[in-house]
């Protein structure tokens, strides 16, 4: 497993790439190119899980609620 700082650097670079639409990131001289936004998000989730494991924190998942107002069942 990578060091905590390396994981944080990767996460930051990946978040920047996602927000700007860039397909490639470079961290510590290593460049990675992603095929899609879904792939970038999946890797970001995995990195966040690894960071949570390194820091002893539970991996908090967002809770999403849906509400159907009117119009049937």
N, C-alpha and C. Protein backbone atom coordinates (compact mmCIF):
# COMPACT_ATOMS: atom_id res chain seq x y z
N UNK A 1 0.85 -1.18 0.00
CA UNK A 1 0.00 0.00 0.00
C UNK A 1 0.89 1.24 0.00
N UNK A 2 0.46 2.24 -0.69
CA UNK A 2 1.19 3.50 -0.78
C UNK A 2 1.13 4.24 0.56
N UNK A 3 2.04 5.18 0.74
CA UNK A 3 2.03 5.98 1.97
C UNK A 3 0.79 6.87 2.00
N UNK A 4 0.45 7.31 3.19
CA UNK A 4 -0.73 8.16 3.35
C UNK A 4 -0.59 9.44 2.53
N UNK A 5 0.59 10.04 2.52
CA UNK A 5 0.78 11.27 1.75
C UNK A 5 0.64 11.02 0.25
N UNK A 6 1.16 9.90 -0.23
CA UNK A 6 1.02 9.56 -1.65
C UNK A 6 -0.44 9.36 -2.01
N UNK A 7 -1.19 8.68 -1.14
CA UNK A 7 -2.63 8.49 -1.38
C UNK A 7 -3.35 9.83 -1.44
N UNK A 8 -3.00 10.73 -0.53
CA UNK A 8 -3.63 12.06 -0.53
C UNK A 8 -3.27 12.84 -1.78
N UNK A 9 -2.01 12.74 -2.22
CA UNK A 9 -1.60 13.42 -3.45
C UNK A 9 -2.36 12.88 -4.65
N UNK A 10 -2.50 11.55 -4.71
CA UNK A 10 -3.26 10.93 -5.81
C UNK A 10 -4.71 11.37 -5.79
N UNK A 11 -5.29 11.38 -4.58
CA UNK A 11 -6.70 11.80 -4.46
C UNK A 11 -6.87 13.23 -4.93
N UNK A 12 -5.97 14.13 -4.50
CA UNK A 12 -6.08 15.53 -4.88
C UNK A 12 -5.95 15.70 -6.40
N UNK A 13 -4.99 15.00 -6.99
CA UNK A 13 -4.80 15.09 -8.45
C UNK A 13 -6.02 14.55 -9.18
N UNK A 14 -6.58 13.46 -8.68
CA UNK A 14 -7.74 12.85 -9.32
C UNK A 14 -8.97 13.74 -9.18
N UNK A 15 -9.16 14.35 -8.03
CA UNK A 15 -10.29 15.27 -7.85
C UNK A 15 -10.17 16.45 -8.81
N UNK A 16 -8.94 16.98 -8.96
CA UNK A 16 -8.71 18.09 -9.90
C UNK A 16 -9.03 17.65 -11.33
N UNK A 17 -8.60 16.43 -11.68
CA UNK A 17 -8.85 15.91 -13.03
C UNK A 17 -10.34 15.73 -13.29
N UNK A 18 -11.05 15.22 -12.30
CA UNK A 18 -12.49 15.02 -12.45
C UNK A 18 -13.19 16.36 -12.65
N UNK A 19 -12.84 17.35 -11.84
CA UNK A 19 -13.52 18.64 -11.92
C UNK A 19 -13.18 19.41 -13.19
N UNK A 20 -12.01 19.15 -13.77
CA UNK A 20 -11.62 19.88 -14.98
C UNK A 20 -11.81 19.08 -16.27
N UNK A 21 -12.18 17.79 -16.15
CA UNK A 21 -12.42 16.97 -17.32
C UNK A 21 -11.16 16.37 -17.94
N UNK A 22 -10.03 16.46 -17.23
CA UNK A 22 -8.77 15.92 -17.73
C UNK A 22 -8.77 14.40 -17.60
N UNK A 23 -8.22 13.69 -18.60
CA UNK A 23 -8.21 12.23 -18.58
C UNK A 23 -6.97 11.64 -17.94
N UNK A 24 -5.89 12.43 -17.80
CA UNK A 24 -4.64 11.90 -17.26
C UNK A 24 -4.21 12.69 -16.02
N UNK A 25 -3.58 11.97 -15.08
CA UNK A 25 -3.00 12.62 -13.91
C UNK A 25 -1.56 12.15 -13.78
N UNK A 26 -0.71 12.99 -13.18
CA UNK A 26 0.67 12.62 -12.90
C UNK A 26 0.96 12.89 -11.43
N UNK A 27 1.47 11.86 -10.76
CA UNK A 27 1.84 11.97 -9.35
C UNK A 27 3.19 11.29 -9.19
N UNK A 28 4.14 11.99 -8.63
CA UNK A 28 5.48 11.45 -8.40
C UNK A 28 6.09 10.85 -9.67
N UNK A 29 5.91 11.53 -10.80
CA UNK A 29 6.49 11.07 -12.05
C UNK A 29 5.76 9.94 -12.73
N UNK A 30 4.66 9.48 -12.16
CA UNK A 30 3.88 8.39 -12.75
C UNK A 30 2.59 8.96 -13.32
N UNK A 31 2.38 8.73 -14.62
CA UNK A 31 1.18 9.24 -15.29
C UNK A 31 0.19 8.11 -15.51
N UNK A 32 -1.07 8.40 -15.20
CA UNK A 32 -2.15 7.44 -15.41
C UNK A 32 -3.22 8.11 -16.27
N UNK A 33 -3.68 7.40 -17.29
CA UNK A 33 -4.73 7.91 -18.16
C UNK A 33 -5.98 7.05 -17.95
N UNK A 34 -7.11 7.70 -17.76
CA UNK A 34 -8.38 7.03 -17.50
C UNK A 34 -9.26 7.08 -18.74
N UNK A 35 -10.09 6.06 -18.91
CA UNK A 35 -10.95 5.96 -20.07
C UNK A 35 -12.25 6.75 -19.92
N UNK A 36 -12.72 6.89 -18.68
CA UNK A 36 -14.04 7.51 -18.50
C UNK A 36 -14.14 8.16 -17.13
N UNK A 37 -15.19 8.95 -16.96
CA UNK A 37 -15.46 9.54 -15.65
C UNK A 37 -15.78 8.45 -14.64
N UNK A 38 -16.48 7.41 -15.07
CA UNK A 38 -16.83 6.32 -14.16
C UNK A 38 -15.58 5.65 -13.62
N UNK A 39 -14.59 5.46 -14.46
CA UNK A 39 -13.34 4.86 -14.01
C UNK A 39 -12.64 5.76 -13.01
N UNK A 40 -12.62 7.07 -13.28
CA UNK A 40 -11.98 8.01 -12.35
C UNK A 40 -12.69 8.02 -11.00
N UNK A 41 -14.01 8.00 -11.01
CA UNK A 41 -14.78 7.99 -9.76
C UNK A 41 -14.54 6.69 -8.99
N UNK A 42 -14.48 5.56 -9.68
CA UNK A 42 -14.22 4.28 -9.02
C UNK A 42 -12.85 4.28 -8.35
N UNK A 43 -11.85 4.80 -9.03
CA UNK A 43 -10.51 4.87 -8.45
C UNK A 43 -10.49 5.84 -7.27
N UNK A 44 -11.18 6.96 -7.40
CA UNK A 44 -11.27 7.92 -6.30
C UNK A 44 -11.89 7.28 -5.07
N UNK A 45 -12.95 6.51 -5.26
CA UNK A 45 -13.58 5.81 -4.13
C UNK A 45 -12.63 4.82 -3.47
N UNK A 46 -11.86 4.10 -4.30
CA UNK A 46 -10.90 3.14 -3.76
C UNK A 46 -9.79 3.85 -2.98
N UNK A 47 -9.30 4.98 -3.50
CA UNK A 47 -8.27 5.74 -2.79
C UNK A 47 -8.82 6.26 -1.47
N UNK A 48 -10.05 6.76 -1.47
CA UNK A 48 -10.65 7.25 -0.22
C UNK A 48 -10.79 6.11 0.80
N UNK A 49 -11.10 4.91 0.34
CA UNK A 49 -11.18 3.76 1.24
C UNK A 49 -9.82 3.43 1.83
N UNK A 50 -8.77 3.51 1.00
CA UNK A 50 -7.42 3.25 1.49
C UNK A 50 -6.98 4.30 2.50
N UNK A 51 -7.33 5.56 2.24
CA UNK A 51 -7.01 6.63 3.19
C UNK A 51 -7.73 6.39 4.51
N UNK A 52 -9.00 6.00 4.44
CA UNK A 52 -9.77 5.72 5.66
C UNK A 52 -9.13 4.57 6.43
N UNK A 53 -8.65 3.55 5.73
CA UNK A 53 -8.00 2.42 6.40
C UNK A 53 -6.70 2.85 7.07
N UNK A 54 -5.95 3.72 6.41
CA UNK A 54 -4.67 4.19 6.97
C UNK A 54 -4.87 5.06 8.21
N UNK A 55 -5.96 5.80 8.24
CA UNK A 55 -6.19 6.73 9.35
C UNK A 55 -7.09 6.15 10.43
N UNK A 56 -7.55 4.92 10.21
CA UNK A 56 -8.39 4.26 11.21
C UNK A 56 -9.81 4.78 11.26
N UNK A 57 -10.23 5.46 10.21
CA UNK A 57 -11.59 5.98 10.15
C UNK A 57 -12.46 5.06 9.32
N UNK A 58 -13.70 4.99 9.69
CA UNK A 58 -14.65 4.21 8.89
C UNK A 58 -14.84 4.92 7.56
N UNK A 59 -14.99 4.14 6.51
CA UNK A 59 -15.26 4.72 5.20
C UNK A 59 -16.72 5.14 5.15
N UNK A 60 -16.95 6.44 5.23
CA UNK A 60 -18.32 6.95 5.27
C UNK A 60 -18.87 7.03 3.86
N UNK A 61 -20.01 6.42 3.68
CA UNK A 61 -20.66 6.43 2.38
C UNK A 61 -21.81 7.41 2.43
N UNK A 62 -22.04 8.14 1.35
CA UNK A 62 -23.15 9.08 1.33
C UNK A 62 -24.49 8.34 1.37
N UNK A 63 -25.45 8.95 2.01
CA UNK A 63 -26.79 8.39 2.06
C UNK A 63 -27.65 9.18 1.09
N UNK A 64 -28.35 8.47 0.23
CA UNK A 64 -29.19 9.12 -0.76
C UNK A 64 -30.63 8.69 -0.55
N UNK A 65 -31.51 9.64 -0.47
CA UNK A 65 -32.93 9.35 -0.31
C UNK A 65 -33.66 9.81 -1.56
N UNK A 66 -34.65 9.05 -1.97
CA UNK A 66 -35.48 9.46 -3.10
C UNK A 66 -36.91 9.60 -2.62
N UNK A 67 -37.57 10.58 -3.16
CA UNK A 67 -38.96 10.84 -2.79
C UNK A 67 -39.78 10.91 -4.07
N UNK A 68 -40.85 10.13 -4.10
CA UNK A 68 -41.77 10.16 -5.23
C UNK A 68 -42.99 10.96 -4.78
N UNK A 69 -43.20 12.10 -5.41
CA UNK A 69 -44.32 12.97 -5.03
C UNK A 69 -45.40 12.86 -6.10
N UNK A 70 -46.51 12.26 -5.69
CA UNK A 70 -47.66 12.16 -6.58
C UNK A 70 -47.41 11.29 -7.79
N UNK A 71 -48.41 11.15 -8.61
CA UNK A 71 -48.29 10.48 -9.89
C UNK A 71 -48.14 8.97 -9.83
N UNK A 72 -48.72 8.31 -8.88
CA UNK A 72 -48.69 6.86 -8.91
C UNK A 72 -47.92 6.25 -7.76
N UNK A 73 -47.60 5.00 -7.97
CA UNK A 73 -47.02 4.20 -6.91
C UNK A 73 -45.53 4.34 -6.88
